[in-house]
Amino acid sequence: GVGTNQIIYEFKDAALKLTVTPSVVGDGNLYLNMVVNKDSP
């Protein structure tokens, strides 16, 4: 931390995470930009 002997905590994610950005294409199809994370402690 800022002071002497001061400790603060930061938090990090350990999770299953799905991130997706879909785009509908004119012919009825889907374009998907995806990221899947499985982080474990």
PDB file of all heavy atoms in Angstrom:
ATOM      1  N   GLY A   1       0.828  -1.198   0.000  1.00  0.00           N
ATOM      2  CA  GLY A   1       0.000   0.000   0.000  1.00  0.00           C
ATOM      3  C   GLY A   1       0.865   1.251   0.000  1.00  0.00           C
ATOM      4  O   GLY A   1       2.088   1.209  -0.152  1.00  0.00           O
ATOM      5  N   VAL A   2       0.230   2.389   0.198  1.00  0.00           N
ATOM      6  CA  VAL A   2       0.909   3.680   0.183  1.00  0.00           C
ATOM      7  C   VAL A   2       1.765   3.871   1.429  1.00  0.00           C
ATOM      8  O   VAL A   2       2.903   4.290   1.369  1.00  0.00           O
ATOM      9  CB  VAL A   2      -0.132   4.826   0.045  1.00  0.00           C
ATOM     10  CG1 VAL A   2       0.550   6.178   0.086  1.00  0.00           C
ATOM     11  CG2 VAL A   2      -0.941   4.656  -1.219  1.00  0.00           C
ATOM     12  N   GLY A   3       1.232   3.541   2.595  1.00  0.00           N
ATOM     13  CA  GLY A   3       1.949   3.738   3.856  1.00  0.00           C
ATOM     14  C   GLY A   3       2.879   2.569   4.166  1.00  0.00           C
ATOM     15  O   GLY A   3       2.905   1.562   3.474  1.00  0.00           O
ATOM     16  N   THR A   4       3.657   2.725   5.238  1.00  0.00           N
ATOM     17  CA  THR A   4       4.537   1.638   5.652  1.00  0.00           C
ATOM     18  C   THR A   4       3.713   0.525   6.278  1.00  0.00           C
ATOM     19  O   THR A   4       2.773   0.756   7.029  1.00  0.00           O
ATOM     20  CB  THR A   4       5.583   2.142   6.681  1.00  0.00           C
ATOM     21  OG1 THR A   4       4.879   2.699   7.788  1.00  0.00           O
ATOM     22  CG2 THR A   4       6.503   3.176   6.070  1.00  0.00           C
ATOM     23  N   ASN A   5       4.094  -0.691   5.966  1.00  0.00           N
ATOM     24  CA  ASN A   5       3.417  -1.897   6.466  1.00  0.00           C
ATOM     25  C   ASN A   5       1.927  -1.936   6.135  1.00  0.00           C
ATOM     26  O   ASN A   5       1.150  -2.571   6.834  1.00  0.00           O
ATOM     27  CB  ASN A   5       3.603  -2.040   7.976  1.00  0.00           C
ATOM     28  CG  ASN A   5       5.057  -2.251   8.335  1.00  0.00           C
ATOM     29  OD1 ASN A   5       5.817  -2.794   7.535  1.00  0.00           O
ATOM     30  ND2 ASN A   5       5.446  -1.824   9.524  1.00  0.00           N
ATOM     31  N   GLN A   6       1.542  -1.243   5.112  1.00  0.00           N
ATOM     32  CA  GLN A   6       0.144  -1.281   4.692  1.00  0.00           C
ATOM     33  C   GLN A   6       0.022  -2.224   3.505  1.00  0.00           C
ATOM     34  O   GLN A   6       0.786  -2.128   2.555  1.00  0.00           O
ATOM     35  CB  GLN A   6      -0.344   0.116   4.308  1.00  0.00           C
ATOM     36  CG  GLN A   6      -1.806   0.149   3.911  1.00  0.00           C
ATOM     37  CD  GLN A   6      -2.238   1.524   3.422  1.00  0.00           C
ATOM     38  OE1 GLN A   6      -1.424   2.390   3.149  1.00  0.00           O
ATOM     39  NE2 GLN A   6      -3.541   1.709   3.306  1.00  0.00           N
ATOM     40  N   ILE A   7      -0.940  -3.126   3.576  1.00  0.00           N
ATOM     41  CA  ILE A   7      -1.166  -4.075   2.484  1.00  0.00           C
ATOM     42  C   ILE A   7      -2.607  -3.921   2.015  1.00  0.00           C
ATOM     43  O   ILE A   7      -3.535  -3.897   2.806  1.00  0.00           O
ATOM     44  CB  ILE A   7      -0.924  -5.521   2.946  1.00  0.00           C
ATOM     45  CG1 ILE A   7       0.539  -5.711   3.336  1.00  0.00           C
ATOM     46  CG2 ILE A   7      -1.305  -6.509   1.853  1.00  0.00           C
ATOM     47  CD1 ILE A   7       0.858  -7.079   3.885  1.00  0.00           C
ATOM     48  N   ILE A   8      -2.742  -3.779   0.706  1.00  0.00           N
ATOM     49  CA  ILE A   8      -4.071  -3.756   0.110  1.00  0.00           C
ATOM     50  C   ILE A   8      -4.180  -4.982  -0.792  1.00  0.00           C
ATOM     51  O   ILE A   8      -3.174  -5.626  -1.113  1.00  0.00           O
ATOM     52  CB  ILE A   8      -4.330  -2.442  -0.662  1.00  0.00           C
ATOM     53  CG1 ILE A   8      -3.276  -2.248  -1.766  1.00  0.00           C
ATOM     54  CG2 ILE A   8      -4.373  -1.259   0.272  1.00  0.00           C
ATOM     55  CD1 ILE A   8      -3.561  -1.061  -2.658  1.00  0.00           C
ATOM     56  N   TYR A   9      -5.375  -5.298  -1.200  1.00  0.00           N
ATOM     57  CA  TYR A   9      -5.597  -6.494  -2.003  1.00  0.00           C
ATOM     58  C   TYR A   9      -6.186  -6.126  -3.356  1.00  0.00           C
ATOM     59  O   TYR A   9      -7.091  -5.311  -3.449  1.00  0.00           O
ATOM     60  CB  TYR A   9      -6.528  -7.466  -1.279  1.00  0.00           C
ATOM     61  CG  TYR A   9      -5.872  -8.109  -0.082  1.00  0.00           C
ATOM     62  CD1 TYR A   9      -5.973  -7.543   1.177  1.00  0.00           C
ATOM     63  CD2 TYR A   9      -5.131  -9.266  -0.230  1.00  0.00           C
ATOM     64  CE1 TYR A   9      -5.365  -8.122   2.274  1.00  0.00           C
ATOM     65  CE2 TYR A   9      -4.519  -9.859   0.857  1.00  0.00           C
ATOM     66  CZ  TYR A   9      -4.638  -9.282   2.105  1.00  0.00           C
ATOM     67  OH  TYR A   9      -4.024  -9.857   3.178  1.00  0.00           O
ATOM     68  N   GLU A  10      -5.634  -6.754  -4.392  1.00  0.00           N
ATOM     69  CA  GLU A  10      -6.208  -6.681  -5.728  1.00  0.00           C
ATOM     70  C   GLU A  10      -6.810  -8.048  -6.027  1.00  0.00           C
ATOM     71  O   GLU A  10      -6.285  -9.063  -5.586  1.00  0.00           O
ATOM     72  CB  GLU A  10      -5.131  -6.357  -6.770  1.00  0.00           C
ATOM     73  CG  GLU A  10      -4.609  -4.961  -6.705  1.00  0.00           C
ATOM     74  CD  GLU A  10      -3.585  -4.680  -7.792  1.00  0.00           C
ATOM     75  OE1 GLU A  10      -3.241  -5.604  -8.565  1.00  0.00           O
ATOM     76  OE2 GLU A  10      -3.113  -3.538  -7.855  1.00  0.00           O
ATOM     77  N   PHE A  11      -7.903  -8.053  -6.760  1.00  0.00           N
ATOM     78  CA  PHE A  11      -8.580  -9.308  -7.062  1.00  0.00           C
ATOM     79  C   PHE A  11      -8.392  -9.669  -8.532  1.00  0.00           C
ATOM     80  O   PHE A  11      -8.535  -8.826  -9.409  1.00  0.00           O
ATOM     81  CB  PHE A  11     -10.064  -9.199  -6.726  1.00  0.00           C
ATOM     82  CG  PHE A  11     -10.322  -9.137  -5.250  1.00  0.00           C
ATOM     83  CD1 PHE A  11     -10.311  -7.922  -4.576  1.00  0.00           C
ATOM     84  CD2 PHE A  11     -10.567 -10.293  -4.538  1.00  0.00           C
ATOM     85  CE1 PHE A  11     -10.543  -7.869  -3.223  1.00  0.00           C
ATOM     86  CE2 PHE A  11     -10.796 -10.250  -3.172  1.00  0.00           C
ATOM     87  CZ  PHE A  11     -10.781  -9.040  -2.517  1.00  0.00           C
ATOM     88  N   LYS A  12      -8.056 -10.937  -8.772  1.00  0.00           N
ATOM     89  CA  LYS A  12      -7.897 -11.467 -10.133  1.00  0.00           C
ATOM     90  C   LYS A  12      -8.975 -12.516 -10.358  1.00  0.00           C
ATOM     91  O   LYS A  12      -9.283 -13.312  -9.475  1.00  0.00           O
ATOM     92  CB  LYS A  12      -6.530 -12.111 -10.312  1.00  0.00           C
ATOM     93  CG  LYS A  12      -5.374 -11.244  -9.939  1.00  0.00           C
ATOM     94  CD  LYS A  12      -4.909 -10.439 -11.093  1.00  0.00           C
ATOM     95  CE  LYS A  12      -3.681  -9.646 -10.643  1.00  0.00           C
ATOM     96  NZ  LYS A  12      -3.159  -8.822 -11.615  1.00  0.00           N
ATOM     97  N   ASP A  13      -9.534 -12.540 -11.561  1.00  0.00           N
ATOM     98  CA  ASP A  13     -10.576 -13.507 -11.895  1.00  0.00           C
ATOM     99  C   ASP A  13      -9.979 -14.872 -12.218  1.00  0.00           C
ATOM    100  O   ASP A  13      -8.982 -14.970 -12.935  1.00  0.00           O
ATOM    101  CB  ASP A  13     -11.388 -13.042 -13.105  1.00  0.00           C
ATOM    102  CG  ASP A  13     -12.310 -11.888 -12.788  1.00  0.00           C
ATOM    103  OD1 ASP A  13     -12.718 -11.777 -11.624  1.00  0.00           O
ATOM    104  OD2 ASP A  13     -12.626 -11.108 -13.709  1.00  0.00           O
ATOM    105  N   ALA A  14     -10.593 -15.911 -11.703  1.00  0.00           N
ATOM    106  CA  ALA A  14     -10.321 -17.293 -12.102  1.00  0.00           C
ATOM    107  C   ALA A  14     -11.693 -17.850 -12.436  1.00  0.00           C
ATOM    108  O   ALA A  14     -12.434 -18.283 -11.551  1.00  0.00           O
ATOM    109  CB  ALA A  14      -9.646 -18.066 -10.992  1.00  0.00           C
ATOM    110  N   ALA A  15     -12.056 -17.801 -13.717  1.00  0.00           N
ATOM    111  CA  ALA A  15     -13.444 -18.073 -14.080  1.00  0.00           C
ATOM    112  C   ALA A  15     -13.544 -18.713 -15.460  1.00  0.00           C
ATOM    113  O   ALA A  15     -12.612 -18.688 -16.253  1.00  0.00           O
ATOM    114  CB  ALA A  15     -14.230 -16.768 -14.070  1.00  0.00           C
ATOM    115  N   LEU A  16     -14.711 -19.261 -15.691  1.00  0.00           N
ATOM    116  CA  LEU A  16     -15.098 -19.691 -17.026  1.00  0.00           C
ATOM    117  C   LEU A  16     -15.785 -18.494 -17.663  1.00  0.00           C
ATOM    118  O   LEU A  16     -16.746 -17.949 -17.099  1.00  0.00           O
ATOM    119  CB  LEU A  16     -16.043 -20.887 -16.944  1.00  0.00           C
ATOM    120  CG  LEU A  16     -16.561 -21.430 -18.270  1.00  0.00           C
ATOM    121  CD1 LEU A  16     -15.410 -21.970 -19.110  1.00  0.00           C
ATOM    122  CD2 LEU A  16     -17.573 -22.525 -18.022  1.00  0.00           C
ATOM    123  N   LYS A  17     -15.275 -18.044 -18.794  1.00  0.00           N
ATOM    124  CA  LYS A  17     -15.767 -16.807 -19.399  1.00  0.00           C
ATOM    125  C   LYS A  17     -15.980 -17.002 -20.893  1.00  0.00           C
ATOM    126  O   LYS A  17     -15.107 -17.520 -21.583  1.00  0.00           O
ATOM    127  CB  LYS A  17     -14.746 -15.690 -19.159  1.00  0.00           C
ATOM    128  CG  LYS A  17     -15.116 -14.356 -19.746  1.00  0.00           C
ATOM    129  CD  LYS A  17     -14.038 -13.336 -19.444  1.00  0.00           C
ATOM    130  CE  LYS A  17     -14.302 -12.004 -20.092  1.00  0.00           C
ATOM    131  NZ  LYS A  17     -13.214 -11.046 -19.838  1.00  0.00           N
ATOM    132  N   LEU A  18     -17.146 -16.591 -21.360  1.00  0.00           N
ATOM    133  CA  LEU A  18     -17.470 -16.624 -22.781  1.00  0.00           C
ATOM    134  C   LEU A  18     -17.710 -15.204 -23.243  1.00  0.00           C
ATOM    135  O   LEU A  18     -18.534 -14.484 -22.681  1.00  0.00           O
ATOM    136  CB  LEU A  18     -18.729 -17.467 -23.035  1.00  0.00           C
ATOM    137  CG  LEU A  18     -19.364 -17.349 -24.424  1.00  0.00           C
ATOM    138  CD1 LEU A  18     -18.446 -17.935 -25.491  1.00  0.00           C
ATOM    139  CD2 LEU A  18     -20.716 -18.026 -24.457  1.00  0.00           C
ATOM    140  N   THR A  19     -16.958 -14.792 -24.263  1.00  0.00           N
ATOM    141  CA  THR A  19     -17.138 -13.479 -24.883  1.00  0.00           C
ATOM    142  C   THR A  19     -17.444 -13.718 -26.355  1.00  0.00           C
ATOM    143  O   THR A  19     -16.663 -14.395 -27.043  1.00  0.00           O
ATOM    144  CB  THR A  19     -15.863 -12.621 -24.751  1.00  0.00           C
ATOM    145  OG1 THR A  19     -15.488 -12.551 -23.377  1.00  0.00           O
ATOM    146  CG2 THR A  19     -16.083 -11.226 -25.289  1.00  0.00           C
ATOM    147  N   VAL A  20     -18.562 -13.191 -26.829  1.00  0.00           N
ATOM    148  CA  VAL A  20     -18.950 -13.421 -28.221  1.00  0.00           C
ATOM    149  C   VAL A  20     -19.521 -12.143 -28.820  1.00  0.00           C
ATOM    150  O   VAL A  20     -20.231 -11.391 -28.159  1.00  0.00           O
ATOM    151  CB  VAL A  20     -19.964 -14.593 -28.345  1.00  0.00           C
ATOM    152  CG1 VAL A  20     -21.241 -14.291 -27.604  1.00  0.00           C
ATOM    153  CG2 VAL A  20     -20.246 -14.940 -29.785  1.00  0.00           C
ATOM    154  N   THR A  21     -19.154 -11.905 -30.076  1.00  0.00           N
ATOM    155  CA  THR A  21     -19.713 -10.800 -30.848  1.00  0.00           C
ATOM    156  C   THR A  21     -20.290 -11.396 -32.131  1.00  0.00           C
ATOM    157  O   THR A  21     -19.539 -11.807 -33.022  1.00  0.00           O
ATOM    158  CB  THR A  21     -18.642  -9.752 -31.197  1.00  0.00           C
ATOM    159  OG1 THR A  21     -18.002  -9.330 -29.996  1.00  0.00           O
ATOM    160  CG2 THR A  21     -19.253  -8.561 -31.908  1.00  0.00           C
ATOM    161  N   PRO A  22     -21.624 -11.483 -32.233  1.00  0.00           N
ATOM    162  CA  PRO A  22     -22.239 -12.066 -33.430  1.00  0.00           C
ATOM    163  C   PRO A  22     -22.566 -11.013 -34.480  1.00  0.00           C
ATOM    164  O   PRO A  22     -22.832  -9.854 -34.157  1.00  0.00           O
ATOM    165  CB  PRO A  22     -23.523 -12.679 -32.877  1.00  0.00           C
ATOM    166  CG  PRO A  22     -23.900 -11.749 -31.767  1.00  0.00           C
ATOM    167  CD  PRO A  22     -22.599 -11.267 -31.178  1.00  0.00           C
ATOM    168  N   SER A  23     -22.532 -11.427 -35.728  1.00  0.00           N
ATOM    169  CA  SER A  23     -22.974 -10.577 -36.839  1.00  0.00           C
ATOM    170  C   SER A  23     -23.851 -11.434 -37.740  1.00  0.00           C
ATOM    171  O   SER A  23     -23.439 -12.522 -38.159  1.00  0.00           O
ATOM    172  CB  SER A  23     -21.791 -10.052 -37.647  1.00  0.00           C
ATOM    173  OG  SER A  23     -20.986  -9.224 -36.857  1.00  0.00           O
ATOM    174  N   VAL A  24     -25.051 -10.945 -38.020  1.00  0.00           N
ATOM    175  CA  VAL A  24     -25.954 -11.674 -38.907  1.00  0.00           C
ATOM    176  C   VAL A  24     -25.589 -11.326 -40.338  1.00  0.00           C
ATOM    177  O   VAL A  24     -25.535 -10.157 -40.722  1.00  0.00           O
ATOM    178  CB  VAL A  24     -27.430 -11.320 -38.619  1.00  0.00           C
ATOM    179  CG1 VAL A  24     -28.354 -12.063 -39.570  1.00  0.00           C
ATOM    180  CG2 VAL A  24     -27.773 -11.632 -37.174  1.00  0.00           C
ATOM    181  N   VAL A  25     -25.302 -12.372 -41.119  1.00  0.00           N
ATOM    182  CA  VAL A  25     -24.947 -12.199 -42.524  1.00  0.00           C
ATOM    183  C   VAL A  25     -26.246 -12.288 -43.324  1.00  0.00           C
ATOM    184  O   VAL A  25     -27.183 -12.984 -42.927  1.00  0.00           O
ATOM    185  CB  VAL A  25     -23.931 -13.282 -42.961  1.00  0.00           C
ATOM    186  CG1 VAL A  25     -23.516 -13.095 -44.400  1.00  0.00           C
ATOM    187  CG2 VAL A  25     -22.723 -13.255 -42.054  1.00  0.00           C
ATOM    188  N   GLY A  26     -26.312 -11.615 -44.456  1.00  0.00           N
ATOM    189  CA  GLY A  26     -27.540 -11.510 -45.242  1.00  0.00           C
ATOM    190  C   GLY A  26     -28.198 -12.813 -45.628  1.00  0.00           C
ATOM    191  O   GLY A  26     -29.404 -12.881 -45.783  1.00  0.00           O
ATOM    192  N   ASP A  27     -27.440 -13.900 -45.776  1.00  0.00           N
ATOM    193  CA  ASP A  27     -28.030 -15.169 -46.225  1.00  0.00           C
ATOM    194  C   ASP A  27     -28.531 -16.035 -45.063  1.00  0.00           C
ATOM    195  O   ASP A  27     -28.792 -17.216 -45.233  1.00  0.00           O
ATOM    196  CB  ASP A  27     -27.028 -15.947 -47.071  1.00  0.00           C
ATOM    197  CG  ASP A  27     -25.727 -16.254 -46.344  1.00  0.00           C
ATOM    198  OD1 ASP A  27     -25.578 -15.812 -45.187  1.00  0.00           O
ATOM    199  OD2 ASP A  27     -24.867 -16.937 -46.928  1.00  0.00           O
ATOM    200  N   GLY A  28     -28.657 -15.472 -43.858  1.00  0.00           N
ATOM    201  CA  GLY A  28     -29.177 -16.220 -42.720  1.00  0.00           C
ATOM    202  C   GLY A  28     -28.106 -16.898 -41.881  1.00  0.00           C
ATOM    203  O   GLY A  28     -28.428 -17.571 -40.910  1.00  0.00           O
ATOM    204  N   ASN A  29     -26.859 -16.708 -42.249  1.00  0.00           N
ATOM    205  CA  ASN A  29     -25.770 -17.276 -41.462  1.00  0.00           C
ATOM    206  C   ASN A  29     -25.313 -16.282 -40.399  1.00  0.00           C
ATOM    207  O   ASN A  29     -25.669 -15.111 -40.433  1.00  0.00           O
ATOM    208  CB  ASN A  29     -24.586 -17.652 -42.362  1.00  0.00           C
ATOM    209  CG  ASN A  29     -24.916 -18.817 -43.266  1.00  0.00           C
ATOM    210  OD1 ASN A  29     -25.675 -19.711 -42.905  1.00  0.00           O
ATOM    211  ND2 ASN A  29     -24.344 -18.818 -44.460  1.00  0.00           N
ATOM    212  N   LEU A  30     -24.515 -16.778 -39.471  1.00  0.00           N
ATOM    213  CA  LEU A  30     -23.976 -15.938 -38.406  1.00  0.00           C
ATOM    214  C   LEU A  30     -22.458 -15.968 -38.455  1.00  0.00           C
ATOM    215  O   LEU A  30     -21.854 -17.033 -38.597  1.00  0.00           O
ATOM    216  CB  LEU A  30     -24.424 -16.444 -37.034  1.00  0.00           C
ATOM    217  CG  LEU A  30     -25.902 -16.329 -36.730  1.00  0.00           C
ATOM    218  CD1 LEU A  30     -26.262 -17.226 -35.566  1.00  0.00           C
ATOM    219  CD2 LEU A  30     -26.234 -14.901 -36.415  1.00  0.00           C
ATOM    220  N   TYR A  31     -21.861 -14.798 -38.330  1.00  0.00           N
ATOM    221  CA  TYR A  31     -20.413 -14.691 -38.176  1.00  0.00           C
ATOM    222  C   TYR A  31     -20.166 -14.428 -36.696  1.00  0.00           C
ATOM    223  O   TYR A  31     -20.687 -13.463 -36.126  1.00  0.00           O
ATOM    224  CB  TYR A  31     -19.860 -13.551 -39.035  1.00  0.00           C
ATOM    225  CG  TYR A  31     -18.392 -13.296 -38.819  1.00  0.00           C
ATOM    226  CD1 TYR A  31     -17.442 -14.152 -39.349  1.00  0.00           C
ATOM    227  CD2 TYR A  31     -17.966 -12.210 -38.063  1.00  0.00           C
ATOM    228  CE1 TYR A  31     -16.095 -13.929 -39.141  1.00  0.00           C
ATOM    229  CE2 TYR A  31     -16.622 -11.976 -37.848  1.00  0.00           C
ATOM    230  CZ  TYR A  31     -15.691 -12.844 -38.398  1.00  0.00           C
ATOM    231  OH  TYR A  31     -14.354 -12.622 -38.185  1.00  0.00           O
ATOM    232  N   LEU A  32     -19.388 -15.316 -36.031  1.00  0.00           N
ATOM    233  CA  LEU A  32     -19.145 -15.209 -34.599  1.00  0.00           C
ATOM    234  C   LEU A  32     -17.672 -14.981 -34.327  1.00  0.00           C
ATOM    235  O   LEU A  32     -16.827 -15.711 -34.833  1.00  0.00           O
ATOM    236  CB  LEU A  32     -19.590 -16.489 -33.880  1.00  0.00           C
ATOM    237  CG  LEU A  32     -21.046 -16.889 -34.031  1.00  0.00           C
ATOM    238  CD1 LEU A  32     -21.290 -18.244 -33.388  1.00  0.00           C
ATOM    239  CD2 LEU A  32     -21.951 -15.846 -33.413  1.00  0.00           C
ATOM    240  N   ASN A  33     -17.393 -13.972 -33.529  1.00  0.00           N
ATOM    241  CA  ASN A  33     -16.040 -13.718 -33.031  1.00  0.00           C
ATOM    242  C   ASN A  33     -16.088 -14.076 -31.546  1.00  0.00           C
ATOM    243  O   ASN A  33     -16.741 -13.389 -30.772  1.00  0.00           O
ATOM    244  CB  ASN A  33     -15.668 -12.254 -33.249  1.00  0.00           C
ATOM    245  CG  ASN A  33     -14.230 -11.983 -32.889  1.00  0.00           C
ATOM    246  OD1 ASN A  33     -13.488 -12.874 -32.493  1.00  0.00           O
ATOM    247  ND2 ASN A  33     -13.832 -10.728 -33.031  1.00  0.00           N
ATOM    248  N   MET A  34     -15.400 -15.167 -31.151  1.00  0.00           N
ATOM    249  CA  MET A  34     -15.552 -15.694 -29.801  1.00  0.00           C
ATOM    250  C   MET A  34     -14.221 -15.902 -29.104  1.00  0.00           C
ATOM    251  O   MET A  34     -13.220 -16.237 -29.727  1.00  0.00           O
ATOM    252  CB  MET A  34     -16.267 -17.040 -29.841  1.00  0.00           C
ATOM    253  CG  MET A  34     -17.637 -16.960 -30.416  1.00  0.00           C
ATOM    254  SD  MET A  34     -18.557 -18.486 -30.317  1.00  0.00           S
ATOM    255  CE  MET A  34     -17.369 -19.719 -30.496  1.00  0.00           C
ATOM    256  N   VAL A  35     -14.267 -15.717 -27.778  1.00  0.00           N
ATOM    257  CA  VAL A  35     -13.144 -16.050 -26.902  1.00  0.00           C
ATOM    258  C   VAL A  35     -13.739 -16.801 -25.706  1.00  0.00           C
ATOM    259  O   VAL A  35     -14.665 -16.317 -25.070  1.00  0.00           O
ATOM    260  CB  VAL A  35     -12.393 -14.794 -26.409  1.00  0.00           C
ATOM    261  CG1 VAL A  35     -11.254 -15.187 -25.481  1.00  0.00           C
ATOM    262  CG2 VAL A  35     -11.887 -13.973 -27.573  1.00  0.00           C
ATOM    263  N   VAL A  36     -13.205 -17.997 -25.440  1.00  0.00           N
ATOM    264  CA  VAL A  36     -13.631 -18.792 -24.290  1.00  0.00           C
ATOM    265  C   VAL A  36     -12.418 -18.990 -23.392  1.00  0.00           C
ATOM    266  O   VAL A  36     -11.382 -19.483 -23.841  1.00  0.00           O
ATOM    267  CB  VAL A  36     -14.203 -20.157 -24.715  1.00  0.00           C
ATOM    268  CG1 VAL A  36     -14.622 -20.969 -23.503  1.00  0.00           C
ATOM    269  CG2 VAL A  36     -15.370 -19.979 -25.671  1.00  0.00           C
ATOM    270  N   ASN A  37     -12.545 -18.572 -22.129  1.00  0.00           N
ATOM    271  CA  ASN A  37     -11.478 -18.740 -21.133  1.00  0.00           C
ATOM    272  C   ASN A  37     -11.961 -19.674 -20.037  1.00  0.00           C
ATOM    273  O   ASN A  37     -13.082 -19.524 -19.568  1.00  0.00           O
ATOM    274  CB  ASN A  37     -11.112 -17.410 -20.465  1.00  0.00           C
ATOM    275  CG  ASN A  37     -10.518 -16.450 -21.431  1.00  0.00           C
ATOM    276  OD1 ASN A  37     -11.232 -15.728 -22.094  1.00  0.00           O
ATOM    277  ND2 ASN A  37      -9.213 -16.426 -21.501  1.00  0.00           N
ATOM    278  N   LYS A  38     -11.107 -20.600 -19.642  1.00  0.00           N
ATOM    279  CA  LYS A  38     -11.377 -21.417 -18.455  1.00  0.00           C
ATOM    280  C   LYS A  38     -10.155 -21.304 -17.565  1.00  0.00           C
ATOM    281  O   LYS A  38      -9.176 -22.019 -17.719  1.00  0.00           O
ATOM    282  CB  LYS A  38     -11.656 -22.873 -18.793  1.00  0.00           C
ATOM    283  CG  LYS A  38     -12.022 -23.658 -17.535  1.00  0.00           C
ATOM    284  CD  LYS A  38     -12.284 -25.091 -17.803  1.00  0.00           C
ATOM    285  CE  LYS A  38     -12.685 -25.848 -16.570  1.00  0.00           C
ATOM    286  NZ  LYS A  38     -11.963 -25.559 -15.367  1.00  0.00           N
ATOM    287  N   ASP A  39     -10.197 -20.350 -16.665  1.00  0.00           N
ATOM    288  CA  ASP A  39      -9.099 -20.110 -15.735  1.00  0.00           C
ATOM    289  C   ASP A  39      -9.479 -20.707 -14.385  1.00  0.00           C
ATOM    290  O   ASP A  39     -10.606 -20.534 -13.924  1.00  0.00           O
ATOM    291  CB  ASP A  39      -8.843 -18.612 -15.584  1.00  0.00           C
ATOM    292  CG  ASP A  39      -8.505 -17.950 -16.912  1.00  0.00           C
ATOM    293  OD1 ASP A  39      -8.074 -18.663 -17.831  1.00  0.00           O
ATOM    294  OD2 ASP A  39      -8.683 -16.734 -17.027  1.00  0.00           O
ATOM    295  N   SER A  40      -8.523 -21.405 -13.760  1.00  0.00           N
ATOM    296  CA  SER A  40      -8.816 -22.025 -12.462  1.00  0.00           C
ATOM    297  C   SER A  40      -7.682 -21.712 -11.495  1.00  0.00           C
ATOM    298  O   SER A  40      -6.523 -21.621 -11.887  1.00  0.00           O
ATOM    299  CB  SER A  40      -8.984 -23.532 -12.619  1.00  0.00           C
ATOM    300  OG  SER A  40      -7.824 -24.100 -13.175  1.00  0.00           O
ATOM    301  N   PRO A  41      -8.023 -21.559 -10.214  1.00  0.00           N
ATOM    302  CA  PRO A  41      -6.983 -21.257  -9.226  1.00  0.00           C
ATOM    303  C   PRO A  41      -6.145 -22.484  -8.911  1.00  0.00           C
ATOM    304  O   PRO A  41      -6.644 -23.605  -8.875  1.00  0.00           O
ATOM    305  CB  PRO A  41      -7.773 -20.798  -8.005  1.00  0.00           C
ATOM    306  CG  PRO A  41      -9.128 -21.366  -8.167  1.00  0.00           C
ATOM    307  CD  PRO A  41      -9.359 -21.538  -9.629  1.00  0.00           C
TER     308      PRO A  41
END
